[in-house]
Amino acid sequence: MAALVSLGEGDKADFTFLRDLLHLTDGNLSAHLRVLEDAGYVVVKKTFVGRQPKTWIWVTREGRDAFAAHVDALEAILGQARAPA
C-alpha cells in the first residue's frame, strides 16, 4: 500500500514494477493484491499491450483513507512509546 499510495492520485503501477520493487514472487504479490482488492483498497485491471498481458494496480479513495488512518494509528503508538514515563 505504501508504494501505491506514494503515487499521485489516479496514477497506476504495473504488476512487474511492484513485484520487483517489493522483491516478491508473482504468487505472493497476487495473493496480497487479492486481499487488498477484496477490501476495496485497490483496483486490479488486466489488459493487453499488443499481445503481452499487462496488469495495472491503483489505490481507491477508500484505500488511501484506510492507509492514512493506519499511519495515524502507528504515529500515535510511536508518540506514546516516546513519551516520558
Protein backbone atom coordinates (compact mmCIF):
# COMPACT_ATOMS: atom_id res chain seq x y z
CA MET A 1 0.00 0.00 0.00
CA ALA A 2 2.81 2.43 0.82
CA ALA A 3 4.26 2.03 -2.67
CA LEU A 4 0.89 2.59 -4.30
CA VAL A 5 -0.16 5.48 -2.07
CA SER A 6 3.14 7.22 -2.84
CA LEU A 7 1.96 7.55 -6.45
CA GLY A 8 -0.12 10.53 -7.41
CA GLU A 9 -3.87 10.21 -7.18
CA GLY A 10 -5.08 8.46 -10.32
CA ASP A 11 -1.61 7.11 -11.17
CA LYS A 12 -1.14 3.39 -11.72
CA ALA A 13 1.67 0.93 -11.17
CA ASP A 14 2.17 -2.18 -13.22
CA PHE A 15 2.44 -5.59 -11.61
CA THR A 16 6.05 -6.15 -12.67
CA PHE A 17 7.15 -2.83 -11.20
CA LEU A 18 5.55 -3.66 -7.84
CA ARG A 19 6.86 -7.22 -7.85
CA ASP A 20 10.42 -6.04 -8.48
CA LEU A 21 10.20 -3.10 -6.07
CA LEU A 22 8.93 -5.30 -3.24
CA HIS A 23 11.08 -8.35 -4.09
CA LEU A 24 8.06 -10.65 -4.12
CA THR A 25 7.14 -13.64 -6.22
CA ASP A 26 4.26 -13.36 -8.68
CA GLY A 27 2.12 -15.61 -6.50
CA ASN A 28 2.87 -13.75 -3.29
CA LEU A 29 2.11 -10.34 -4.79
CA SER A 30 -1.06 -11.70 -6.40
CA ALA A 31 -2.25 -13.02 -3.04
CA HIS A 32 -1.64 -9.69 -1.30
CA LEU A 33 -3.33 -7.74 -4.09
CA ARG A 34 -6.36 -10.03 -3.97
CA VAL A 35 -6.85 -9.28 -0.26
CA LEU A 36 -6.50 -5.53 -0.88
CA GLU A 37 -8.84 -5.72 -3.86
CA ASP A 38 -11.46 -7.66 -1.87
CA ALA A 39 -11.27 -4.97 0.82
CA GLY A 40 -11.90 -2.29 -1.81
CA TYR A 41 -8.48 -0.68 -1.27
CA VAL A 42 -7.05 -1.25 -4.76
CA VAL A 43 -8.25 -1.88 -8.29
CA VAL A 44 -6.51 -4.51 -10.39
CA LYS A 45 -7.05 -4.18 -14.13
CA LYS A 46 -5.71 -6.73 -16.60
CA THR A 47 -5.14 -5.54 -20.15
CA PHE A 48 -3.01 -6.35 -23.15
CA VAL A 49 -0.32 -4.23 -24.74
CA GLY A 50 -0.03 -5.76 -28.15
CA ARG A 51 0.00 -9.46 -27.38
CA GLN A 52 1.55 -9.08 -23.95
CA PRO A 53 -0.61 -9.17 -20.82
CA LYS A 54 -0.25 -6.16 -18.55
CA THR A 55 -1.72 -5.76 -15.08
CA TRP A 56 -2.27 -2.29 -13.66
CA ILE A 57 -2.92 -1.55 -10.00
CA TRP A 58 -4.09 1.67 -8.37
CA VAL A 59 -5.39 2.76 -4.98
CA THR A 60 -9.03 3.67 -4.40
CA ARG A 61 -10.13 6.64 -2.28
CA GLU A 62 -11.16 4.12 0.39
CA GLY A 63 -7.68 2.59 0.24
CA ARG A 64 -5.99 5.97 0.61
CA ASP A 65 -8.21 6.80 3.58
CA ALA A 66 -7.59 3.42 5.25
CA PHE A 67 -3.84 3.75 4.74
CA ALA A 68 -3.84 7.27 6.19
CA ALA A 69 -5.78 6.00 9.24
CA HIS A 70 -3.25 3.18 9.64
CA VAL A 71 -0.33 5.62 9.51
CA ASP A 72 -2.09 7.86 12.06
CA ALA A 73 -2.52 4.88 14.40
CA LEU A 74 1.16 3.94 14.04
CA GLU A 75 2.20 7.53 14.74
CA ALA A 76 0.04 7.56 17.88
CA ILE A 77 1.68 4.36 19.10
CA LEU A 78 5.13 5.78 18.42
CA GLY A 79 4.21 9.01 20.20
CA GLN A 80 3.20 7.05 23.30
CA ALA A 81 6.36 4.99 23.17
CA ARG A 82 8.50 8.14 23.04
CA ALA A 83 6.61 9.96 25.81
CA PRO A 84 8.48 10.29 29.07
CA ALA A 85 7.30 7.91 31.78
